C-alpha atoms as a PDB file:
ATOM      1  CA  MET A   1      13.113 -17.553   4.849  1.00  0.00           C
ATOM      2  CA  ALA A   2      16.065 -17.475   3.729  1.00  0.00           C
ATOM      3  CA  LYS A   3      15.332 -15.537   0.773  1.00  0.00           C
ATOM      4  CA  SER A   4      14.273 -12.699   2.732  1.00  0.00           C
ATOM      5  CA  SER A   5      17.035 -12.466   5.296  1.00  0.00           C
ATOM      6  CA  THR A   6      19.103 -13.132   1.968  1.00  0.00           C
ATOM      7  CA  ARG A   7      17.456  -9.502   0.611  1.00  0.00           C
ATOM      8  CA  ALA A   8      17.058  -7.248   3.783  1.00  0.00           C
ATOM      9  CA  ALA A   9      20.753  -8.257   3.652  1.00  0.00           C
ATOM     10  CA  THR A  10      21.409  -6.779  -0.320  1.00  0.00           C
ATOM     11  CA  ASP A  11      19.583  -3.973   0.971  1.00  0.00           C
ATOM     12  CA  HIS A  12      22.010  -3.296   3.762  1.00  0.00           C
ATOM     13  CA  ARG A  13      24.500  -3.268   1.647  1.00  0.00           C
ATOM     14  CA  LEU A  14      22.497  -1.452  -0.437  1.00  0.00           C
ATOM     15  CA  VAL A  15      21.721   1.234   1.891  1.00  0.00           C
ATOM     16  CA  ASP A  16      24.748   1.585   3.480  1.00  0.00           C
ATOM     17  CA  ARG A  17      26.967   2.665  -0.729  1.00  0.00           C
ATOM     18  CA  ALA A  18      23.619   4.473  -0.724  1.00  0.00           C
ATOM     19  CA  SER A  19      23.764   6.910   2.055  1.00  0.00           C
ATOM     20  CA  GLY A  20      28.081   7.359   1.405  1.00  0.00           C
ATOM     21  CA  GLY A  21      26.423   9.178  -2.084  1.00  0.00           C
ATOM     22  CA  ASP A  22      26.477   5.715  -4.636  1.00  0.00           C
ATOM     23  CA  ARG A  23      23.808   6.224  -7.236  1.00  0.00           C
ATOM     24  CA  GLU A  24      23.627   3.211  -8.915  1.00  0.00           C
ATOM     25  CA  ALA A  25      23.384   2.092  -5.548  1.00  0.00           C
ATOM     26  CA  PHE A  26      20.131   3.801  -4.512  1.00  0.00           C
ATOM     27  CA  GLY A  27      19.098   3.221  -8.489  1.00  0.00           C
ATOM     28  CA  GLU A  28      19.412  -0.438  -7.302  1.00  0.00           C
ATOM     29  CA  LEU A  29      17.228  -0.192  -4.423  1.00  0.00           C
ATOM     30  CA  TYR A  30      14.448   1.433  -6.324  1.00  0.00           C
ATOM     31  CA  ASP A  31      14.621  -1.620  -9.211  1.00  0.00           C
ATOM     32  CA  ARG A  32      14.342  -4.634  -6.394  1.00  0.00           C
ATOM     33  CA  HIS A  33      11.215  -1.921  -4.423  1.00  0.00           C
ATOM     34  CA  VAL A  34       9.378   0.321  -7.228  1.00  0.00           C
ATOM     35  CA  MET A  35       6.767  -2.438  -8.226  1.00  0.00           C
ATOM     36  CA  PRO A  36       5.304  -3.651  -4.556  1.00  0.00           C
ATOM     37  CA  VAL A  37       5.996   0.094  -3.669  1.00  0.00           C
ATOM     38  CA  TYR A  38       3.043   1.410  -7.236  1.00  0.00           C
ATOM     39  CA  ARG A  39       1.058  -1.387  -6.567  1.00  0.00           C
ATOM     40  CA  HIS A  40       0.501  -0.565  -2.439  1.00  0.00           C
ATOM     41  CA  VAL A  41       0.081   3.329  -3.771  1.00  0.00           C
ATOM     42  CA  TYR A  42      -1.862   1.822  -6.391  1.00  0.00           C
ATOM     43  CA  CYS A  43      -4.571  -0.014  -4.319  1.00  0.00           C
ATOM     44  CA  MET A  44      -4.552   3.423  -1.412  1.00  0.00           C
ATOM     45  CA  VAL A  45      -6.532   5.977  -4.707  1.00  0.00           C
ATOM     46  CA  ASN A  46      -6.797   2.903  -7.615  1.00  0.00           C
ATOM     47  CA  ASP A  47      -5.709   5.907 -10.098  1.00  0.00           C
ATOM     48  CA  ARG A  48      -2.327   5.012 -12.508  1.00  0.00           C
ATOM     49  CA  GLN A  49      -1.694   8.051 -12.622  1.00  0.00           C
ATOM     50  CA  LEU A  50      -1.555   9.458  -8.962  1.00  0.00           C
ATOM     51  CA  ALA A  51      -0.147   6.317  -8.297  1.00  0.00           C
ATOM     52  CA  GLU A  52       2.949   6.860 -10.397  1.00  0.00           C
ATOM     53  CA  ASP A  53       3.254  10.170  -8.989  1.00  0.00           C
ATOM     54  CA  LEU A  54       3.641   9.221  -5.496  1.00  0.00           C
ATOM     55  CA  THR A  55       5.412   6.496  -6.467  1.00  0.00           C
ATOM     56  CA  ALA A  56       8.209   8.788  -7.934  1.00  0.00           C
ATOM     57  CA  GLN A  57       7.699  11.667  -4.735  1.00  0.00           C
ATOM     58  CA  THR A  58       8.838   8.242  -2.209  1.00  0.00           C
ATOM     59  CA  PHE A  59      11.397   8.230  -3.991  1.00  0.00           C
ATOM     60  CA  LEU A  60      13.303  11.135  -4.529  1.00  0.00           C
ATOM     61  CA  GLN A  61      11.792  11.425  -0.591  1.00  0.00           C
ATOM     62  CA  ALA A  62      13.401   8.217   0.245  1.00  0.00           C
ATOM     63  CA  LEU A  63      16.340   9.413  -1.747  1.00  0.00           C
ATOM     64  CA  GLN A  64      17.105  12.556   0.435  1.00  0.00           C
ATOM     65  CA  ALA A  65      16.539  10.596   3.867  1.00  0.00           C
ATOM     66  CA  ILE A  66      18.322   8.159   3.006  1.00  0.00           C
ATOM     67  CA  ALA A  67      21.722   9.343   4.579  1.00  0.00           C
ATOM     68  CA  ARG A  68      18.662   9.214   7.965  1.00  0.00           C
ATOM     69  CA  TYR A  69      17.713   6.046   6.982  1.00  0.00           C
ATOM     70  CA  GLU A  70      18.091   3.121  10.391  1.00  0.00           C
ATOM     71  CA  GLU A  71      17.737  -0.123  10.470  1.00  0.00           C
ATOM     72  CA  ARG A  72      15.522  -1.229  12.298  1.00  0.00           C
ATOM     73  CA  GLY A  73      15.394  -4.763  12.263  1.00  0.00           C
ATOM     74  CA  LEU A  74      12.211  -4.179   9.287  1.00  0.00           C
ATOM     75  CA  PRO A  75      13.387  -4.590   6.035  1.00  0.00           C
ATOM     76  CA  PHE A  76      14.548  -2.015   4.145  1.00  0.00           C
ATOM     77  CA  ARG A  77      10.865  -1.446   1.974  1.00  0.00           C
ATOM     78  CA  ALA A  78       8.544  -1.107   5.127  1.00  0.00           C
ATOM     79  CA  TRP A  79       9.860   2.115   5.339  1.00  0.00           C
ATOM     80  CA  LEU A  80       9.298   3.210   2.092  1.00  0.00           C
ATOM     81  CA  LEU A  81       5.490   1.655   2.509  1.00  0.00           C
ATOM     82  CA  ARG A  82       5.808   3.901   5.386  1.00  0.00           C
ATOM     83  CA  ILE A  83       6.686   7.679   3.348  1.00  0.00           C
ATOM     84  CA  ALA A  84       4.548   6.218   0.466  1.00  0.00           C
ATOM     85  CA  LYS A  85       1.832   5.892   3.225  1.00  0.00           C
ATOM     86  CA  ASN A  86       2.422   9.012   4.331  1.00  0.00           C
ATOM     87  CA  LEU A  87       2.571  10.857   0.486  1.00  0.00           C
ATOM     88  CA  ALA A  88      -0.916   9.043   0.468  1.00  0.00           C
ATOM     89  CA  ILE A  89      -2.939  11.076   2.862  1.00  0.00           C
ATOM     90  CA  SER A  90      -1.146  14.201   2.649  1.00  0.00           C
ATOM     91  CA  HIS A  91      -2.566  13.689  -1.341  1.00  0.00           C
ATOM     92  CA  TRP A  92      -6.061  12.794   0.427  1.00  0.00           C
ATOM     93  CA  ARG A  93      -6.421  15.715   2.606  1.00  0.00           C
ATOM     94  CA  THR A  94      -5.090  17.941   0.694  1.00  0.00           C
ATOM     95  CA  GLN A  95      -8.222  16.626  -2.321  1.00  0.00           C
ATOM     96  CA  ARG A  96     -10.982  16.071   0.291  1.00  0.00           C
ATOM     97  CA  ASN A  97     -12.768  18.653  -1.160  1.00  0.00           C
ATOM     98  CA  HIS A  98     -13.492  17.283  -3.970  1.00  0.00           C
ATOM     99  CA  ASN A  99     -13.487  13.958  -3.258  1.00  0.00           C
ATOM    100  CA  SER A 100     -13.461  12.364  -6.877  1.00  0.00           C
ATOM    101  CA  SER A 101     -13.429   8.491  -7.147  1.00  0.00           C
ATOM    102  CA  ARG A 102     -11.734   7.291  -9.788  1.00  0.00           C
ATOM    103  CA  ASN A 103     -11.822   3.997 -11.449  1.00  0.00           C
ATOM    104  CA  ASN A 104      -9.659   2.911 -14.180  1.00  0.00           C
ATOM    105  CA  GLY A 105      -9.698  -0.879 -13.255  1.00  0.00           C
ATOM    106  CA  SER A 106      -7.125  -3.764 -14.389  1.00  0.00           C
ATOM    107  CA  ASP A 107      -5.897  -4.731 -17.776  1.00  0.00           C
ATOM    108  CA  ARG A 108      -6.074  -7.998 -16.731  1.00  0.00           C
ATOM    109  CA  ALA A 109      -7.304 -10.518 -20.320  1.00  0.00           C
ATOM    110  CA  ILE A 110     -10.797 -12.834 -19.002  1.00  0.00           C
ATOM    111  CA  SER A 111     -11.984 -14.930 -22.206  1.00  0.00           C
ATOM    112  CA  SER A 112     -15.216 -14.475 -22.392  1.00  0.00           C
ATOM    113  CA  PRO A 113     -16.455 -11.459 -22.279  1.00  0.00           C
ATOM    114  CA  GLU A 114     -19.227 -13.535 -19.893  1.00  0.00           C
ATOM    115  CA  LEU A 115     -16.612 -13.846 -17.377  1.00  0.00           C
ATOM    116  CA  PHE A 116     -14.940 -10.689 -17.517  1.00  0.00           C
ATOM    117  CA  CYS A 117     -18.063  -8.992 -16.825  1.00  0.00           C
ATOM    118  CA  GLU A 118     -18.742 -11.233 -14.153  1.00  0.00           C
ATOM    119  CA  ALA A 119     -15.187 -10.920 -13.344  1.00  0.00           C
ATOM    120  CA  LYS A 120     -14.391  -6.991 -13.606  1.00  0.00           C
ATOM    121  CA  LEU A 121     -18.064  -6.388 -11.239  1.00  0.00           C
ATOM    122  CA  ARG A 122     -16.909  -8.324  -8.750  1.00  0.00           C
ATOM    123  CA  GLU A 123     -13.250  -6.901  -8.528  1.00  0.00           C
ATOM    124  CA  GLU A 124     -14.916  -3.395  -8.263  1.00  0.00           C
ATOM    125  CA  GLU A 125     -17.674  -4.725  -5.550  1.00  0.00           C
ATOM    126  CA  VAL A 126     -14.433  -5.891  -3.120  1.00  0.00           C
ATOM    127  CA  TRP A 127     -12.081  -2.778  -4.389  1.00  0.00           C
ATOM    128  CA  ARG A 128     -15.303  -0.351  -3.197  1.00  0.00           C
ATOM    129  CA  ALA A 129     -15.390  -2.127  -0.390  1.00  0.00           C
ATOM    130  CA  VAL A 130     -12.229  -2.178   0.842  1.00  0.00           C
ATOM    131  CA  HIS A 131     -11.286   1.647  -0.123  1.00  0.00           C
ATOM    132  CA  SER A 132     -14.637   2.315   1.740  1.00  0.00           C
ATOM    133  CA  LEU A 133     -13.301   0.993   5.071  1.00  0.00           C
ATOM    134  CA  ARG A 134     -11.516   3.299   7.668  1.00  0.00           C
ATOM    135  CA  GLY A 135      -7.895   4.738   6.865  1.00  0.00           C
ATOM    136  CA  ASP A 136      -6.222   1.843   8.868  1.00  0.00           C
ATOM    137  CA  GLN A 137      -8.169  -0.503   8.456  1.00  0.00           C
ATOM    138  CA  ARG A 138      -7.171  -0.329   4.403  1.00  0.00           C
ATOM    139  CA  GLN A 139      -4.111   0.406   4.926  1.00  0.00           C
ATOM    140  CA  ALA A 140      -3.832  -3.261   6.505  1.00  0.00           C
ATOM    141  CA  ILE A 141      -5.042  -4.559   4.832  1.00  0.00           C
ATOM    142  CA  ILE A 142      -3.389  -3.658   1.214  1.00  0.00           C
ATOM    143  CA  LEU A 143      -0.249  -4.631   3.129  1.00  0.00           C
ATOM    144  CA  ARG A 144      -1.113  -7.628   4.600  1.00  0.00           C
ATOM    145  CA  PHE A 145      -2.527  -9.141   1.647  1.00  0.00           C
ATOM    146  CA  VAL A 146      -2.027  -7.584  -1.549  1.00  0.00           C
ATOM    147  CA  ASP A 147       2.246  -5.976  -0.681  1.00  0.00           C
ATOM    148  CA  GLY A 148       2.270  -9.518   1.711  1.00  0.00           C
ATOM    149  CA  LEU A 149       3.770  -7.654   4.133  1.00  0.00           C
ATOM    150  CA  SER A 150       3.615  -9.751   7.608  1.00  0.00           C
ATOM    151  CA  TYR A 151       2.434  -7.954  11.249  1.00  0.00           C
ATOM    152  CA  PRO A 152       5.616  -6.813  12.520  1.00  0.00           C
ATOM    153  CA  ASP A 153       6.351  -4.934   8.776  1.00  0.00           C
ATOM    154  CA  VAL A 154       2.467  -3.582   9.076  1.00  0.00           C
ATOM    155  CA  ALA A 155       2.749  -1.778  12.321  1.00  0.00           C
ATOM    156  CA  GLN A 156       6.050  -0.226  11.587  1.00  0.00           C
ATOM    157  CA  VAL A 157       4.364   1.525   8.411  1.00  0.00           C
ATOM    158  CA  LEU A 158       1.526   1.891  10.993  1.00  0.00           C
ATOM    159  CA  GLY A 159       3.292   3.259  13.162  1.00  0.00           C
ATOM    160  CA  LYS A 160       1.043   0.368  15.552  1.00  0.00           C
ATOM    161  CA  SER A 161       1.792  -2.008  17.949  1.00  0.00           C
ATOM    162  CA  ILE A 162       1.324  -5.860  16.401  1.00  0.00           C
ATOM    163  CA  GLY A 163      -2.110  -6.459  18.699  1.00  0.00           C
ATOM    164  CA  ALA A 164      -3.514  -3.515  17.127  1.00  0.00           C
ATOM    165  CA  VAL A 165      -3.046  -4.307  13.643  1.00  0.00           C
ATOM    166  CA  ARG A 166      -4.273  -7.774  14.521  1.00  0.00           C
ATOM    167  CA  VAL A 167      -7.091  -6.506  15.613  1.00  0.00           C
ATOM    168  CA  ILE A 168      -7.892  -3.478  12.662  1.00  0.00           C
ATOM    169  CA  GLN A 169      -7.004  -6.213  10.412  1.00  0.00           C
ATOM    170  CA  TYR A 170     -10.002  -9.024  12.344  1.00  0.00           C
ATOM    171  CA  ARG A 171     -12.155  -5.743  12.000  1.00  0.00           C
ATOM    172  CA  ALA A 172     -11.756  -4.898   8.560  1.00  0.00           C
ATOM    173  CA  LEU A 173     -12.315  -8.898   7.381  1.00  0.00           C
ATOM    174  CA  SER A 174     -15.423  -8.366   8.878  1.00  0.00           C
ATOM    175  CA  ALA A 175     -17.119  -5.122   7.748  1.00  0.00           C
ATOM    176  CA  LEU A 176     -15.707  -6.610   4.941  1.00  0.00           C
ATOM    177  CA  ARG A 177     -17.464  -9.480   4.745  1.00  0.00           C
ATOM    178  CA  ARG A 178     -20.259  -8.108   5.993  1.00  0.00           C
ATOM    179  CA  ALA A 179     -20.389  -5.436   3.344  1.00  0.00           C
ATOM    180  CA  LEU A 180     -20.585  -7.959   0.806  1.00  0.00           C
ATOM    181  CA  GLU A 181     -22.555 -10.464   1.880  1.00  0.00           C
ATOM    182  CA  ASP A 182     -24.987  -7.516   1.604  1.00  0.00           C
ATOM    183  CA  GLY A 183     -24.320  -5.591  -0.952  1.00  0.00           C
ATOM    184  CA  ASN A 184     -24.094  -2.761   1.157  1.00  0.00           C
ATOM    185  CA  LEU A 185     -20.708  -0.964   0.300  1.00  0.00           C
ATOM    186  CA  GLY A 186     -21.671   2.733   1.623  1.00  0.00           C
ATOM    187  CA  HIS A 187     -19.791   4.859   4.237  1.00  0.00           C
ATOM    188  CA  ASP A 188     -22.283   4.669   7.178  1.00  0.00           C
ATOM    189  CA  SER A 189     -21.541   1.039   6.998  1.00  0.00           C
ATOM    190  CA  LEU A 190     -17.648   0.242   6.909  1.00  0.00           C
ATOM    191  CA  GLY A 191     -16.155   3.849   8.154  1.00  0.00           C
ATOM    192  CA  SER A 192     -15.494   7.474   6.781  1.00  0.00           C
ATOM    193  CA  GLY A 193     -13.224   6.145   3.557  1.00  0.00           C
ATOM    194  CA  ARG A 194     -11.146   8.495   4.360  1.00  0.00           C
ATOM    195  CA  LEU A 195      -6.785   7.558   4.916  1.00  0.00           C
ATOM    196  CA  SER A 196      -6.553   8.330   8.564  1.00  0.00           C
END
Protein backbone atom coordinates (compact mmCIF):
# COMPACT_ATOMS: atom_id res chain seq x y z
CA MET A 1 0.00 0.00 0.00
CA ALA A 2 2.86 2.40 0.84
CA LYS A 3 4.45 1.70 -2.55
CA SER A 4 1.27 2.65 -4.43
CA SER A 5 0.78 5.83 -2.38
CA THR A 6 4.44 6.79 -3.01
CA ARG A 7 3.94 6.12 -6.74
CA ALA A 8 0.76 8.23 -6.73
CA ALA A 9 2.55 11.10 -4.95
CA THR A 10 5.42 10.96 -7.44
CA ASP A 11 2.96 10.84 -10.35
CA HIS A 12 1.12 13.84 -8.90
CA ARG A 13 4.34 15.89 -8.75
CA LEU A 14 5.30 14.86 -12.27
CA VAL A 15 1.82 15.71 -13.60
CA ASP A 16 2.03 19.16 -11.97
CA ARG A 17 5.38 19.78 -13.64
CA ALA A 18 4.26 18.32 -16.99
CA SER A 19 1.10 20.43 -17.04
CA GLY A 20 3.35 23.47 -16.65
CA GLY A 21 5.21 22.50 -19.82
CA ASP A 22 8.05 20.43 -18.35
CA ARG A 23 8.74 17.86 -21.10
CA GLU A 24 11.19 15.92 -18.92
CA ALA A 25 8.47 15.38 -16.31
CA PHE A 26 6.16 14.02 -19.01
CA GLY A 27 9.01 11.81 -20.20
CA GLU A 28 9.27 10.38 -16.70
CA LEU A 29 5.52 9.73 -16.66
CA TYR A 30 5.91 7.99 -20.00
CA ASP A 31 8.72 5.80 -18.69
CA ARG A 32 6.71 4.88 -15.59
CA HIS A 33 3.51 3.95 -17.44
CA VAL A 34 4.31 2.95 -21.03
CA MET A 35 4.63 -0.80 -20.37
CA PRO A 36 1.39 -1.16 -18.37
CA VAL A 37 -0.47 0.87 -21.01
CA TYR A 38 1.07 -1.17 -23.84
CA ARG A 39 0.24 -4.46 -22.05
CA HIS A 40 -3.35 -3.29 -21.56
CA VAL A 41 -3.76 -2.27 -25.20
CA TYR A 42 -2.12 -5.46 -26.44
CA CYS A 43 -4.57 -7.54 -24.41
CA MET A 44 -7.41 -5.63 -26.04
CA VAL A 45 -6.25 -5.79 -29.66
CA ASN A 46 -4.00 -8.87 -29.69
CA ASP A 47 -1.66 -7.32 -32.26
CA ARG A 48 1.80 -6.02 -31.35
CA GLN A 49 2.11 -3.35 -34.06
CA LEU A 50 -1.39 -2.02 -33.45
CA ALA A 51 -0.77 -2.03 -29.69
CA GLU A 52 2.41 0.00 -30.21
CA ASP A 53 0.55 2.49 -32.40
CA LEU A 54 -2.35 2.87 -29.96
CA THR A 55 0.06 3.21 -27.02
CA ALA A 56 1.89 6.00 -28.85
CA GLN A 57 -1.44 7.69 -29.61
CA THR A 58 -2.44 7.34 -25.95
CA PHE A 59 0.62 9.23 -24.78
CA LEU A 60 0.28 11.82 -27.55
CA GLN A 61 -3.30 12.53 -26.45
CA ALA A 62 -2.20 12.57 -22.80
CA LEU A 63 0.54 15.10 -23.62
CA GLN A 64 -1.96 17.30 -25.45
CA ALA A 65 -4.46 17.11 -22.56
CA ILE A 66 -2.10 17.06 -19.55
CA ALA A 67 -2.85 20.70 -18.67
CA ARG A 68 -6.54 19.77 -18.29
CA TYR A 69 -5.89 16.63 -16.19
CA GLU A 70 -7.69 16.70 -12.84
CA GLU A 71 -6.75 14.37 -10.03
CA ARG A 72 -9.91 12.81 -8.62
CA GLY A 73 -8.40 10.45 -6.08
CA LEU A 74 -7.54 7.79 -8.66
CA PRO A 75 -4.14 6.93 -10.11
CA PHE A 76 -2.82 8.79 -13.13
CA ARG A 77 -2.54 5.39 -14.81
CA ALA A 78 -6.35 5.02 -14.72
CA TRP A 79 -6.61 8.21 -16.81
CA LEU A 80 -4.10 6.84 -19.31
CA LEU A 81 -5.93 3.51 -19.52
CA ARG A 82 -9.21 5.31 -20.19
CA ILE A 83 -7.59 7.16 -23.09
CA ALA A 84 -6.20 3.85 -24.39
CA LYS A 85 -9.60 2.17 -24.07
CA ASN A 86 -11.29 4.95 -26.03
CA LEU A 87 -8.65 4.75 -28.78
CA ALA A 88 -9.08 0.99 -29.05
CA ILE A 89 -12.87 1.35 -29.23
CA SER A 90 -12.49 3.97 -31.94
CA HIS A 91 -10.12 1.69 -33.85
CA TRP A 92 -12.49 -1.28 -33.67
CA ARG A 93 -15.43 0.84 -34.78
CA THR A 94 -13.54 1.97 -37.87
CA GLN A 95 -12.36 -1.60 -38.57
CA ARG A 96 -15.72 -3.28 -37.89
CA ASN A 97 -16.26 -4.16 -41.56
CA HIS A 98 -12.81 -5.70 -41.87
CA ASN A 99 -13.18 -8.01 -38.84
CA SER A 100 -9.71 -9.47 -39.08
CA SER A 101 -8.47 -11.31 -36.03
CA ARG A 102 -4.73 -11.57 -35.72
CA ASN A 103 -3.03 -13.82 -33.25
CA ASN A 104 0.70 -13.33 -32.94
CA GLY A 105 1.00 -15.37 -29.75
CA SER A 106 3.53 -14.83 -27.02
CA ASP A 107 7.29 -15.14 -26.96
CA ARG A 108 7.40 -17.35 -23.88
CA ALA A 109 9.93 -20.13 -24.01
CA ILE A 110 9.07 -23.55 -22.58
CA SER A 111 11.72 -26.24 -22.43
CA SER A 112 9.81 -29.13 -23.97
CA PRO A 113 8.16 -28.81 -27.40
CA GLU A 114 5.18 -30.84 -26.13
CA LEU A 115 4.73 -28.57 -23.10
CA PHE A 116 5.16 -25.52 -25.29
CA CYS A 117 2.43 -26.71 -27.67
CA GLU A 118 0.05 -27.57 -24.82
CA ALA A 119 0.64 -24.23 -23.10
CA LYS A 120 0.28 -22.36 -26.39
CA LEU A 121 -3.01 -24.07 -27.23
CA ARG A 122 -4.41 -23.40 -23.75
CA GLU A 123 -3.27 -19.77 -23.84
CA GLU A 124 -4.86 -19.28 -27.26
CA GLU A 125 -8.06 -20.92 -26.03
CA VAL A 126 -8.22 -18.60 -23.02
CA TRP A 127 -7.50 -15.49 -25.12
CA ARG A 128 -10.12 -16.50 -27.70
CA ALA A 129 -12.59 -16.80 -24.83
CA VAL A 130 -11.56 -13.42 -23.39
CA HIS A 131 -11.75 -11.74 -26.81
CA SER A 132 -15.19 -13.25 -27.38
CA LEU A 133 -16.62 -11.57 -24.30
CA ARG A 134 -18.82 -8.49 -24.62
CA GLY A 135 -16.78 -5.28 -24.62
CA ASP A 136 -17.38 -4.24 -21.02
CA GLN A 137 -16.78 -7.78 -19.75
CA ARG A 138 -13.55 -8.09 -21.72
CA GLN A 139 -12.39 -4.71 -20.43
CA ALA A 140 -13.16 -5.62 -16.82
CA ILE A 141 -11.20 -8.88 -17.07
CA ILE A 142 -8.19 -7.19 -18.69
CA LEU A 143 -8.18 -4.26 -16.26
CA ARG A 144 -8.54 -6.46 -13.17
CA PHE A 145 -6.41 -9.49 -14.01
CA VAL A 146 -3.89 -8.25 -16.57
CA ASP A 147 -3.42 -4.66 -15.44
CA GLY A 148 -4.06 -5.46 -11.76
CA LEU A 149 -6.29 -2.45 -11.14
CA SER A 150 -8.54 -2.19 -8.11
CA TYR A 151 -12.33 -2.06 -8.41
CA PRO A 152 -12.43 1.75 -7.99
CA ASP A 153 -9.80 2.17 -10.70
CA VAL A 154 -11.63 -0.18 -13.07
CA ALA A 155 -14.87 1.70 -12.36
CA GLN A 156 -13.14 4.98 -13.28
CA VAL A 157 -11.71 3.61 -16.53
CA LEU A 158 -15.04 2.05 -17.56
CA GLY A 159 -17.13 4.97 -16.35
CA LYS A 160 -19.28 2.69 -14.18
CA SER A 161 -20.00 2.22 -10.49
CA ILE A 162 -17.95 -0.21 -8.41
CA GLY A 163 -21.04 -2.41 -7.97
CA ALA A 164 -21.56 -2.52 -11.72
CA VAL A 165 -17.92 -3.51 -12.23
CA ARG A 166 -18.31 -6.37 -9.76
CA VAL A 167 -21.40 -7.62 -11.60
CA ILE A 168 -19.68 -7.31 -14.98
CA GLN A 169 -16.64 -9.20 -13.68
CA TYR A 170 -18.80 -11.96 -12.18
CA ARG A 171 -20.71 -12.42 -15.44
CA ALA A 172 -17.49 -12.36 -17.45
CA LEU A 173 -15.83 -15.00 -15.28
CA SER A 174 -18.97 -17.16 -15.44
CA ALA A 175 -19.04 -16.88 -19.23
CA LEU A 176 -15.32 -17.71 -19.45
CA ARG A 177 -15.71 -20.74 -17.20
CA ARG A 178 -18.66 -22.05 -19.25
CA ALA A 179 -16.84 -21.47 -22.54
CA LEU A 180 -13.65 -23.17 -21.37
CA GLU A 181 -15.51 -26.12 -19.85
CA ASP A 182 -17.70 -26.59 -22.93
CA GLY A 183 -15.01 -25.78 -25.44
CA ASN A 184 -17.55 -23.40 -26.99
CA LEU A 185 -15.80 -20.17 -27.91
CA GLY A 186 -18.37 -18.89 -30.36
CA HIS A 187 -19.74 -15.38 -30.18
CA ASP A 188 -23.28 -16.57 -29.46
CA SER A 189 -22.50 -17.87 -25.99
CA LEU A 190 -20.26 -15.04 -24.84
CA GLY A 191 -21.52 -11.92 -26.47
CA SER A 192 -20.92 -9.86 -29.54
CA GLY A 193 -17.12 -9.77 -29.33
CA ARG A 194 -17.15 -6.01 -29.81
CA LEU A 195 -15.80 -3.34 -27.58
CA SER A 196 -18.61 -1.22 -26.26
